[in-house]
Amino acid sequence: MVGNRLSVTEYNAAKMDGQLLLQLSVQNISKRDCQFEYRAEWKTKDGVVIETPTTTWVPISLSAKEKKGLKMLAPSRDAEDFVFIVRFSRPSTRWN
C-alpha cells in the first residue's frame, strides 16, 4: 500500500530480449479520484542504480476504486532489479 490511497495488487518482472520488463497492476483504494506520478528506479545485480537521462515521472489519474495495468522496460540490459516509486500530486502553497 502507498499512502492509504494506492495498492499494488499484482506485479511481474521478466526478461524480454535481455531487458527487464516490469508489469504492475495498481488500484486506487480510496473513495476519491487519485492523481499521482510514478517511475521505476532500475538497479544492477549489485544494487547499483542505473542512471539515465530519460527517466521521467509518468502522471496518471485513477477514479475511485479503479484498477490499471502499467508496463515499464528497463533502460539497460544490466538491470536485474527495480524499485517502484510513487509521488502524489499536491497543490502548491508556496506563493500564497
C-alpha atoms as a PDB file:
ATOM      1  CA  MET A   1       0.000   0.000   0.000  1.00  0.00           C
ATOM      2  CA  VAL A   2       1.083   3.520  -0.730  1.00  0.00           C
ATOM      3  CA  GLY A   3      -0.251   6.321   1.436  1.00  0.00           C
ATOM      4  CA  ASN A   4      -3.604   4.630   2.171  1.00  0.00           C
ATOM      5  CA  ARG A   5      -4.690   5.595  -1.347  1.00  0.00           C
ATOM      6  CA  LEU A   6      -2.990   3.193  -3.705  1.00  0.00           C
ATOM      7  CA  SER A   7      -2.288  -0.525  -3.710  1.00  0.00           C
ATOM      8  CA  VAL A   8      -0.064  -2.617  -5.964  1.00  0.00           C
ATOM      9  CA  THR A   9      -2.289  -5.653  -6.474  1.00  0.00           C
ATOM     10  CA  GLU A  10      -0.051  -7.655  -8.821  1.00  0.00           C
ATOM     11  CA  TYR A  11       3.408  -7.451 -10.296  1.00  0.00           C
ATOM     12  CA  ASN A  12       5.552  -9.481 -12.632  1.00  0.00           C
ATOM     13  CA  ALA A  13       9.078  -8.949 -13.873  1.00  0.00           C
ATOM     14  CA  ALA A  14      10.634 -10.942 -16.705  1.00  0.00           C
ATOM     15  CA  LYS A  15      13.465 -10.647 -19.216  1.00  0.00           C
ATOM     16  CA  MET A  16      12.440  -9.860 -22.790  1.00  0.00           C
ATOM     17  CA  ASP A  17      15.228  -9.785 -25.355  1.00  0.00           C
ATOM     18  CA  GLY A  18      17.698  -9.371 -22.489  1.00  0.00           C
ATOM     19  CA  GLN A  19      15.918  -6.410 -20.872  1.00  0.00           C
ATOM     20  CA  LEU A  20      13.847  -6.469 -17.714  1.00  0.00           C
ATOM     21  CA  LEU A  21      10.136  -5.810 -18.300  1.00  0.00           C
ATOM     22  CA  LEU A  22       8.031  -4.813 -15.313  1.00  0.00           C
ATOM     23  CA  GLN A  23       4.238  -5.194 -15.288  1.00  0.00           C
ATOM     24  CA  LEU A  24       2.227  -3.842 -12.362  1.00  0.00           C
ATOM     25  CA  SER A  25      -1.448  -3.564 -11.505  1.00  0.00           C
ATOM     26  CA  VAL A  26      -2.259  -0.621  -9.259  1.00  0.00           C
ATOM     27  CA  GLN A  27      -5.602   0.146  -7.664  1.00  0.00           C
ATOM     28  CA  ASN A  28      -6.984   3.299  -6.128  1.00  0.00           C
ATOM     29  CA  ILE A  29      -8.356   2.030  -2.824  1.00  0.00           C
ATOM     30  CA  SER A  30      -9.936   5.320  -1.806  1.00  0.00           C
ATOM     31  CA  LYS A  31     -13.423   6.661  -2.497  1.00  0.00           C
ATOM     32  CA  ARG A  32     -11.996   9.689  -4.327  1.00  0.00           C
ATOM     33  CA  ASP A  33     -10.073  10.207  -7.541  1.00  0.00           C
ATOM     34  CA  CYS A  34      -6.332   9.882  -7.104  1.00  0.00           C
ATOM     35  CA  GLN A  35      -3.663  11.690  -9.104  1.00  0.00           C
ATOM     36  CA  PHE A  36      -0.057  10.587  -8.804  1.00  0.00           C
ATOM     37  CA  GLU A  37       3.176  10.129 -10.721  1.00  0.00           C
ATOM     38  CA  TYR A  38       5.299   7.021 -10.924  1.00  0.00           C
ATOM     39  CA  ARG A  39       8.623   5.759 -12.204  1.00  0.00           C
ATOM     40  CA  ALA A  40      10.941   2.816 -11.759  1.00  0.00           C
ATOM     41  CA  GLU A  41      14.438   3.027 -10.342  1.00  0.00           C
ATOM     42  CA  TRP A  42      16.420   0.289 -12.060  1.00  0.00           C
ATOM     43  CA  LYS A  43      19.327  -1.466 -10.346  1.00  0.00           C
ATOM     44  CA  THR A  44      22.139  -3.806 -11.360  1.00  0.00           C
ATOM     45  CA  LYS A  45      22.593  -7.209  -9.706  1.00  0.00           C
ATOM     46  CA  ASP A  46      24.948  -5.463  -7.251  1.00  0.00           C
ATOM     47  CA  GLY A  47      22.268  -2.930  -6.270  1.00  0.00           C
ATOM     48  CA  VAL A  48      23.801  -0.002  -8.137  1.00  0.00           C
ATOM     49  CA  VAL A  49      21.205   2.429  -9.524  1.00  0.00           C
ATOM     50  CA  ILE A  50      21.311   2.730 -13.298  1.00  0.00           C
ATOM     51  CA  GLU A  51      21.347   6.453 -14.054  1.00  0.00           C
ATOM     52  CA  THR A  52      19.645   7.509 -17.252  1.00  0.00           C
ATOM     53  CA  PRO A  53      18.662  10.940 -18.558  1.00  0.00           C
ATOM     54  CA  THR A  54      15.377   9.538 -19.911  1.00  0.00           C
ATOM     55  CA  THR A  55      13.948   8.536 -16.527  1.00  0.00           C
ATOM     56  CA  THR A  56      10.849  10.678 -16.103  1.00  0.00           C
ATOM     57  CA  TRP A  57       7.845  10.797 -13.832  1.00  0.00           C
ATOM     58  CA  VAL A  58       4.718   9.472 -15.543  1.00  0.00           C
ATOM     59  CA  PRO A  59       1.462  11.186 -14.462  1.00  0.00           C
ATOM     60  CA  ILE A  60      -1.664   9.106 -14.008  1.00  0.00           C
ATOM     61  CA  SER A  61      -5.151   9.570 -12.591  1.00  0.00           C
ATOM     62  CA  LEU A  62      -7.378   6.801 -11.244  1.00  0.00           C
ATOM     63  CA  SER A  63     -11.045   7.123 -10.391  1.00  0.00           C
ATOM     64  CA  ALA A  64     -12.329   5.824  -7.074  1.00  0.00           C
ATOM     65  CA  LYS A  65     -11.610   2.077  -6.786  1.00  0.00           C
ATOM     66  CA  GLU A  66     -10.218   1.969 -10.367  1.00  0.00           C
ATOM     67  CA  LYS A  67      -7.514  -0.574 -11.237  1.00  0.00           C
ATOM     68  CA  LYS A  68      -4.974  -0.103 -14.022  1.00  0.00           C
ATOM     69  CA  GLY A  69      -2.062  -2.027 -15.524  1.00  0.00           C
ATOM     70  CA  LEU A  70       1.339  -0.375 -16.010  1.00  0.00           C
ATOM     71  CA  LYS A  71       4.345  -1.536 -18.044  1.00  0.00           C
ATOM     72  CA  MET A  72       7.934  -0.336 -17.817  1.00  0.00           C
ATOM     73  CA  LEU A  73      11.001  -1.527 -19.702  1.00  0.00           C
ATOM     74  CA  ALA A  74      14.456  -1.215 -18.162  1.00  0.00           C
ATOM     75  CA  PRO A  75      16.746   1.225 -19.987  1.00  0.00           C
ATOM     76  CA  SER A  76      19.678  -1.192 -19.913  1.00  0.00           C
ATOM     77  CA  ARG A  77      20.354  -4.915 -20.163  1.00  0.00           C
ATOM     78  CA  ASP A  78      22.288  -4.567 -16.878  1.00  0.00           C
ATOM     79  CA  ALA A  79      19.046  -4.071 -14.905  1.00  0.00           C
ATOM     80  CA  GLU A  80      18.290  -7.009 -12.624  1.00  0.00           C
ATOM     81  CA  ASP A  81      16.089  -5.339 -10.005  1.00  0.00           C
ATOM     82  CA  PHE A  82      13.839  -2.323  -9.549  1.00  0.00           C
ATOM     83  CA  VAL A  83      12.098  -0.072  -7.080  1.00  0.00           C
ATOM     84  CA  PHE A  84       8.628   1.249  -7.988  1.00  0.00           C
ATOM     85  CA  ILE A  85       8.389   4.878  -6.828  1.00  0.00           C
ATOM     86  CA  VAL A  86       5.193   6.912  -6.432  1.00  0.00           C
ATOM     87  CA  ARG A  87       4.658  10.552  -5.578  1.00  0.00           C
ATOM     88  CA  PHE A  88       1.274  12.178  -5.090  1.00  0.00           C
ATOM     89  CA  SER A  89       0.290  15.490  -6.646  1.00  0.00           C
ATOM     90  CA  ARG A  90      -0.163  18.284  -4.175  1.00  0.00           C
ATOM     91  CA  PRO A  91      -1.281  21.820  -4.875  1.00  0.00           C
ATOM     92  CA  SER A  92       1.492  24.338  -4.311  1.00  0.00           C
ATOM     93  CA  THR A  93       1.065  26.755  -1.415  1.00  0.00           C
ATOM     94  CA  ARG A  94       4.475  28.318  -1.858  1.00  0.00           C
ATOM     95  CA  TRP A  95       3.248  31.627  -3.304  1.00  0.00           C
ATOM     96  CA  ASN A  96       0.047  32.047  -1.305  1.00  0.00           C
END
